[in-house]
Amino acid sequence: MPEEVAEKAVPGGGRICFRGDSRSPSEIFRRGFYPQRTPVVLKREKAPPIVFRDGRQEALPIESEHAVFYAKHGIERNRDRHNPGALFPMTGDIQADTAVCVTARFSAAALFPPRQTPGDDTPAQTWIYAMLVRCLFNTHERQVIDGLTAIHNEVEVRGDISKSFLQGGDGSTPPISTDNKIADQQFFVTYAEGKGLWPLYAHELATKLVDARDVICAIKCVRSWSGPSWRDGATYHLVGDPVKNESCRVEQHFKELAFNFVVSEPTMGRTPERDSGFHRSEASGL
């Protein structure tokens, strides 16, 4: 179910974040960032709440002989006799039109706006904006908790399955064949990577709005997609020098930190993708 979530003031006055956006600096430096469904408002207090949307349930394929283990743990199953599955939730995400989504990872910002399908018209060129975000909802933290909770529940069932395999059954459940045990382990890995942990590499954060005066600078970025969707990642090329927002009113030390970081970024890079895990080892620090 959709859930209204509260942003919190960032200790220390704010946090440097990044956002990929195809709109030009001339527009963003004048307008700032606002959610799609929110008209431009002058005060944060008047902005509608951020909404977090739970992920839909997905069927994790299981062997029919394992169904009794999932039933013991109260985990629902689908009704497909030919393709039995245990129902686990995908990790949820922010409802996009209720918030401005940003990231702590520069390389992740290059993914946006994202490519959804091979034939869509997502522009190769985007801008990466550096900004000071003063209030945040930690989307990444919520996604970690939800994803690991679902995985924990599955691991508990798997522990019972393994115990039955080692002990040859406990009187109420059948012993598990080696082939089926290996097959289920692969199903679980697929679920964990594709459904439970899929959004974590982006380190996404959400805020109600970003005032134009809190946008520090922008740099042009040209992407080359690695596959049919944004989940496959992209290589990117930073073009030219960063453009400063002359109307920025962020404290000087924040401005210097953000601008110097963008200047020091390598001109060629690669975004994270699902298969690179929480952190890609060669990625830059922020």
Protein backbone atom coordinates (compact mmCIF):
# COMPACT_ATOMS: atom_id res chain seq x y z
CA MET A 1 0.00 0.00 0.00
CA PRO A 2 1.23 3.55 -0.68
CA GLU A 3 2.55 5.19 2.46
CA GLU A 4 3.21 8.85 3.20
CA VAL A 5 6.73 9.28 4.56
CA ALA A 6 8.39 12.23 6.26
CA GLU A 7 11.62 13.89 5.26
CA LYS A 8 14.02 15.02 7.98
CA ALA A 9 16.35 17.98 8.26
CA VAL A 10 19.92 16.96 7.42
CA PRO A 11 22.36 17.51 10.32
CA GLY A 12 25.02 20.11 9.59
CA GLY A 13 22.78 22.15 7.31
CA GLY A 14 22.52 19.83 4.32
CA ARG A 15 24.10 17.17 2.14
CA ILE A 16 25.67 17.42 -1.29
CA CYS A 17 23.60 15.29 -3.70
CA PHE A 18 23.39 14.77 -7.43
CA ARG A 19 20.58 14.45 -9.93
CA GLY A 20 20.55 13.64 -13.63
CA ASP A 21 18.06 15.76 -15.58
CA SER A 22 17.84 16.55 -19.30
CA ARG A 23 16.53 20.08 -18.69
CA SER A 24 19.04 22.87 -19.26
CA PRO A 25 20.83 24.81 -16.51
CA SER A 26 19.10 27.99 -17.65
CA GLU A 27 15.81 26.43 -16.59
CA ILE A 28 16.94 24.60 -13.45
CA PHE A 29 18.98 27.52 -12.09
CA ARG A 30 15.82 29.63 -12.38
CA ARG A 31 13.20 27.10 -11.31
CA GLY A 32 14.85 24.50 -9.10
CA PHE A 33 13.44 20.99 -8.76
CA TYR A 34 9.84 20.14 -7.91
CA PRO A 35 7.84 16.89 -8.12
CA GLN A 36 5.84 16.33 -11.29
CA ARG A 37 2.48 16.64 -9.56
CA THR A 38 3.45 19.68 -7.48
CA PRO A 39 3.19 23.23 -8.80
CA VAL A 40 6.08 25.51 -7.91
CA VAL A 41 5.67 26.50 -4.27
CA LEU A 42 7.72 28.96 -2.31
CA LYS A 43 7.66 27.10 1.00
CA ARG A 44 8.50 23.47 1.74
CA GLU A 45 5.77 23.35 4.38
CA LYS A 46 3.11 23.76 1.68
CA ALA A 47 4.39 20.90 -0.50
CA PRO A 48 2.42 17.62 -0.49
CA PRO A 49 3.94 14.63 1.33
CA ILE A 50 6.33 12.14 -0.23
CA VAL A 51 4.76 8.74 -0.95
CA PHE A 52 6.63 5.44 -0.70
CA ARG A 53 5.09 2.64 -2.75
CA ASP A 54 5.48 -0.96 -1.62
CA GLY A 55 6.74 -3.36 -4.25
CA ARG A 56 4.33 -5.83 -5.77
CA GLN A 57 4.56 -9.46 -4.74
CA GLU A 58 6.60 -11.69 -6.99
CA ALA A 59 6.52 -15.48 -7.13
CA LEU A 60 9.86 -17.04 -6.24
CA PRO A 61 9.86 -20.44 -8.01
CA ILE A 62 10.09 -23.35 -5.60
CA GLU A 63 9.97 -27.10 -5.88
CA SER A 64 6.56 -28.54 -5.01
CA GLU A 65 8.11 -30.68 -2.26
CA HIS A 66 9.23 -27.47 -0.50
CA ALA A 67 5.75 -25.96 -0.25
CA VAL A 68 5.19 -27.36 3.22
CA PHE A 69 8.20 -25.43 4.55
CA TYR A 70 6.83 -22.12 3.29
CA ALA A 71 3.41 -22.93 4.74
CA LYS A 72 5.00 -23.52 8.17
CA HIS A 73 6.47 -20.01 8.07
CA GLY A 74 3.22 -18.40 6.98
CA ILE A 75 4.50 -17.36 3.55
CA GLU A 76 1.80 -17.27 0.91
CA ARG A 77 2.14 -19.22 -2.31
CA ASN A 78 0.70 -18.78 -5.75
CA ARG A 79 -2.03 -21.06 -7.06
CA ASP A 80 -0.17 -22.37 -10.08
CA ARG A 81 0.21 -26.14 -9.72
CA HIS A 82 2.53 -26.38 -12.70
CA ASN A 83 4.83 -23.53 -11.63
CA PRO A 84 4.66 -23.36 -7.83
CA GLY A 85 6.08 -20.24 -6.21
CA ALA A 86 6.37 -18.54 -2.82
CA LEU A 87 5.19 -14.92 -2.82
CA PHE A 88 7.80 -12.39 -1.73
CA PRO A 89 7.61 -8.61 -2.17
CA MET A 90 9.85 -6.68 -4.49
CA THR A 91 11.66 -3.86 -2.73
CA GLY A 92 9.53 -0.72 -2.88
CA ASP A 93 10.36 2.71 -4.25
CA ILE A 94 9.30 6.35 -4.11
CA GLN A 95 6.21 7.23 -6.13
CA ALA A 96 8.03 9.33 -8.67
CA ASP A 97 5.54 12.18 -9.00
CA THR A 98 5.55 12.92 -5.25
CA ALA A 99 9.23 13.75 -4.71
CA VAL A 100 12.47 14.95 -6.20
CA CYS A 101 14.76 11.93 -6.25
CA VAL A 102 18.48 12.50 -5.87
CA THR A 103 21.50 10.34 -5.14
CA ALA A 104 24.67 10.49 -3.09
CA ARG A 105 26.52 8.78 -5.98
CA PHE A 106 27.66 10.94 -8.86
CA SER A 107 27.93 7.97 -11.22
CA ALA A 108 24.36 6.90 -10.45
CA ALA A 109 23.04 10.33 -11.42
CA ALA A 110 24.22 9.67 -14.97
CA LEU A 111 21.47 7.04 -15.30
CA PHE A 112 18.73 9.68 -15.29
CA PRO A 113 16.48 10.26 -17.06
CA PRO A 114 16.54 6.47 -17.44
CA ARG A 115 16.14 4.35 -20.51
CA GLN A 116 13.15 2.05 -20.10
CA THR A 117 13.07 0.06 -23.36
CA PRO A 118 15.37 -0.34 -26.39
CA GLY A 119 13.15 1.78 -28.60
CA ASP A 120 12.31 4.67 -26.29
CA ASP A 121 13.42 8.20 -27.06
CA THR A 122 15.36 8.89 -23.85
CA PRO A 123 18.03 11.39 -24.88
CA ALA A 124 21.65 10.30 -24.74
CA GLN A 125 22.54 13.72 -23.37
CA THR A 126 21.67 14.76 -19.85
CA TRP A 127 22.97 17.16 -17.21
CA ILE A 128 24.26 16.14 -13.81
CA TYR A 129 23.39 18.71 -11.17
CA ALA A 130 25.14 19.13 -7.83
CA MET A 131 23.01 20.64 -5.10
CA LEU A 132 22.69 21.08 -1.36
CA VAL A 133 19.68 19.12 -0.09
CA ARG A 134 18.54 20.37 3.30
CA CYS A 135 15.76 17.87 4.08
CA LEU A 136 15.67 14.21 3.03
CA PHE A 137 13.81 10.95 3.23
CA ASN A 138 16.38 8.16 3.15
CA THR A 139 14.92 5.97 0.41
CA HIS A 140 18.06 3.85 0.33
CA GLU A 141 17.80 2.98 4.02
CA ARG A 142 14.16 1.96 3.66
CA GLN A 143 14.96 -0.18 0.62
CA VAL A 144 17.81 -1.90 2.46
CA ILE A 145 15.53 -2.75 5.39
CA ASP A 146 12.69 -4.01 3.17
CA GLY A 147 14.96 -5.98 0.85
CA LEU A 148 16.95 -7.65 3.62
CA THR A 149 13.78 -8.45 5.60
CA ALA A 150 12.34 -10.33 2.63
CA ILE A 151 15.64 -12.13 2.11
CA HIS A 152 15.85 -12.97 5.82
CA ASN A 153 12.41 -14.56 5.69
CA GLU A 154 13.44 -16.66 2.73
CA VAL A 155 16.71 -17.66 4.42
CA GLU A 156 14.79 -18.90 7.46
CA VAL A 157 12.76 -21.23 5.26
CA ARG A 158 15.89 -22.30 3.43
CA GLY A 159 17.47 -23.19 6.75
CA ASP A 160 14.64 -25.58 7.47
CA ILE A 161 14.96 -27.05 3.99
CA SER A 162 18.70 -27.59 4.48
CA LYS A 163 18.13 -29.15 7.89
CA SER A 164 15.64 -31.58 6.41
CA PHE A 165 18.12 -32.46 3.68
CA LEU A 166 20.89 -33.14 6.20
CA GLN A 167 18.70 -35.07 8.63
CA GLY A 168 16.69 -36.94 6.03
CA GLY A 169 13.38 -35.42 7.14
CA ASP A 170 11.96 -34.66 10.56
CA GLY A 171 8.86 -36.81 10.44
CA SER A 172 6.60 -34.07 9.19
CA THR A 173 8.50 -32.96 6.10
CA PRO A 174 10.12 -35.01 3.34
CA PRO A 175 13.88 -35.12 2.79
CA ILE A 176 15.03 -32.82 -0.02
CA SER A 177 16.88 -34.12 -3.04
CA THR A 178 20.28 -32.61 -3.86
CA ASP A 179 19.16 -31.52 -7.34
CA ASN A 180 16.11 -29.69 -6.02
CA LYS A 181 18.14 -28.06 -3.25
CA ILE A 182 20.61 -26.65 -5.79
CA ALA A 183 17.79 -25.49 -8.07
CA ASP A 184 16.09 -23.65 -5.22
CA GLN A 185 19.34 -21.95 -4.26
CA GLN A 186 19.63 -20.55 -7.78
CA PHE A 187 16.02 -19.37 -7.66
CA PHE A 188 16.84 -17.55 -4.43
CA VAL A 189 19.93 -15.85 -5.86
CA THR A 190 17.87 -14.66 -8.81
CA TYR A 191 15.21 -13.25 -6.46
CA ALA A 192 17.74 -11.54 -4.18
CA GLU A 193 19.52 -9.81 -7.07
CA GLY A 194 16.55 -9.01 -9.27
CA LYS A 195 13.74 -8.33 -6.80
CA GLY A 196 15.11 -7.79 -3.29
CA LEU A 197 18.25 -5.74 -3.86
CA TRP A 198 17.62 -4.30 -7.33
CA PRO A 199 17.47 -0.58 -6.39
CA LEU A 200 20.21 -0.40 -3.76
CA TYR A 201 23.15 0.53 -5.98
CA ALA A 202 21.58 3.90 -6.82
CA HIS A 203 21.72 5.10 -3.18
CA GLU A 204 18.51 7.00 -3.79
CA LEU A 205 17.29 9.78 -1.53
CA ALA A 206 14.11 11.85 -1.79
CA THR A 207 13.16 15.41 -0.96
CA LYS A 208 10.01 17.50 -1.41
CA LEU A 209 11.79 20.14 -3.45
CA VAL A 210 15.14 21.76 -4.16
CA ASP A 211 15.14 25.54 -4.25
CA ALA A 212 16.87 27.01 -7.29
CA ARG A 213 19.27 28.84 -4.98
CA ASP A 214 20.43 25.48 -3.55
CA VAL A 215 21.53 24.19 -6.97
CA ILE A 216 25.30 24.70 -7.14
CA CYS A 217 26.44 23.68 -10.61
CA ALA A 218 25.83 21.37 -13.56
CA ILE A 219 27.90 19.45 -16.08
CA LYS A 220 26.84 18.02 -19.43
CA CYS A 221 26.86 14.22 -19.67
CA VAL A 222 26.46 12.00 -22.76
CA ARG A 223 25.47 8.35 -22.16
CA SER A 224 25.89 5.18 -24.19
CA TRP A 225 23.50 2.52 -22.92
CA SER A 226 24.87 -0.97 -22.24
CA GLY A 227 21.59 -2.82 -22.76
CA PRO A 228 17.86 -2.48 -23.36
CA SER A 229 17.11 -0.68 -20.08
CA TRP A 230 18.73 1.53 -17.45
CA ARG A 231 19.22 -1.53 -15.23
CA ASP A 232 21.99 -2.63 -17.61
CA GLY A 233 23.92 0.56 -16.95
CA ALA A 234 25.72 2.89 -19.32
CA THR A 235 29.10 4.39 -20.05
CA TYR A 236 29.19 8.16 -19.99
CA HIS A 237 31.33 11.10 -21.06
CA LEU A 238 31.40 14.43 -19.22
CA VAL A 239 31.52 17.28 -21.72
CA GLY A 240 33.09 20.66 -21.04
CA ASP A 241 33.50 22.47 -17.74
CA PRO A 242 30.89 22.64 -14.98
CA VAL A 243 28.44 25.51 -15.26
CA LYS A 244 28.07 27.52 -12.05
CA ASN A 245 24.72 28.76 -10.82
CA GLU A 246 25.38 32.45 -10.30
CA SER A 247 22.21 32.74 -8.23
CA CYS A 248 23.30 30.03 -5.78
CA ARG A 249 23.09 31.08 -2.14
CA VAL A 250 24.58 27.93 -0.59
CA GLU A 251 27.23 28.41 2.09
CA GLN A 252 30.67 28.86 0.56
CA HIS A 253 32.24 25.68 1.93
CA PHE A 254 29.44 23.58 0.45
CA LYS A 255 29.80 25.32 -2.91
CA GLU A 256 33.54 24.77 -3.02
CA LEU A 257 33.21 21.13 -1.99
CA ALA A 258 30.61 20.35 -4.66
CA PHE A 259 32.25 22.30 -7.47
CA ASN A 260 35.72 20.91 -6.81
CA PHE A 261 34.34 17.39 -6.69
CA VAL A 262 32.62 17.75 -10.06
CA VAL A 263 35.75 19.30 -11.59
CA SER A 264 37.86 16.39 -10.35
CA GLU A 265 35.57 13.68 -11.75
CA PRO A 266 37.09 11.64 -14.61
CA THR A 267 35.62 12.66 -17.96
CA MET A 268 34.86 9.03 -18.84
CA GLY A 269 32.94 6.78 -16.50
CA ARG A 270 30.48 3.97 -16.08
CA THR A 271 27.28 3.96 -14.10
CA PRO A 272 26.61 1.27 -11.53
CA GLU A 273 24.22 -1.48 -12.56
CA ARG A 274 22.42 -4.28 -10.80
CA ASP A 275 25.22 -6.80 -11.26
CA SER A 276 27.88 -4.48 -9.79
CA GLY A 277 26.41 -4.71 -6.28
CA PHE A 278 26.18 -2.04 -3.62
CA HIS A 279 29.41 -0.36 -4.74
CA ARG A 280 31.49 -0.70 -7.86
CA SER A 281 35.10 -0.81 -6.66
CA GLU A 282 36.39 1.64 -9.28
CA ALA A 283 33.60 4.15 -8.73
CA SER A 284 34.38 7.56 -7.27
CA GLY A 285 33.88 8.29 -3.62
CA LEU A 286 30.70 10.36 -3.27
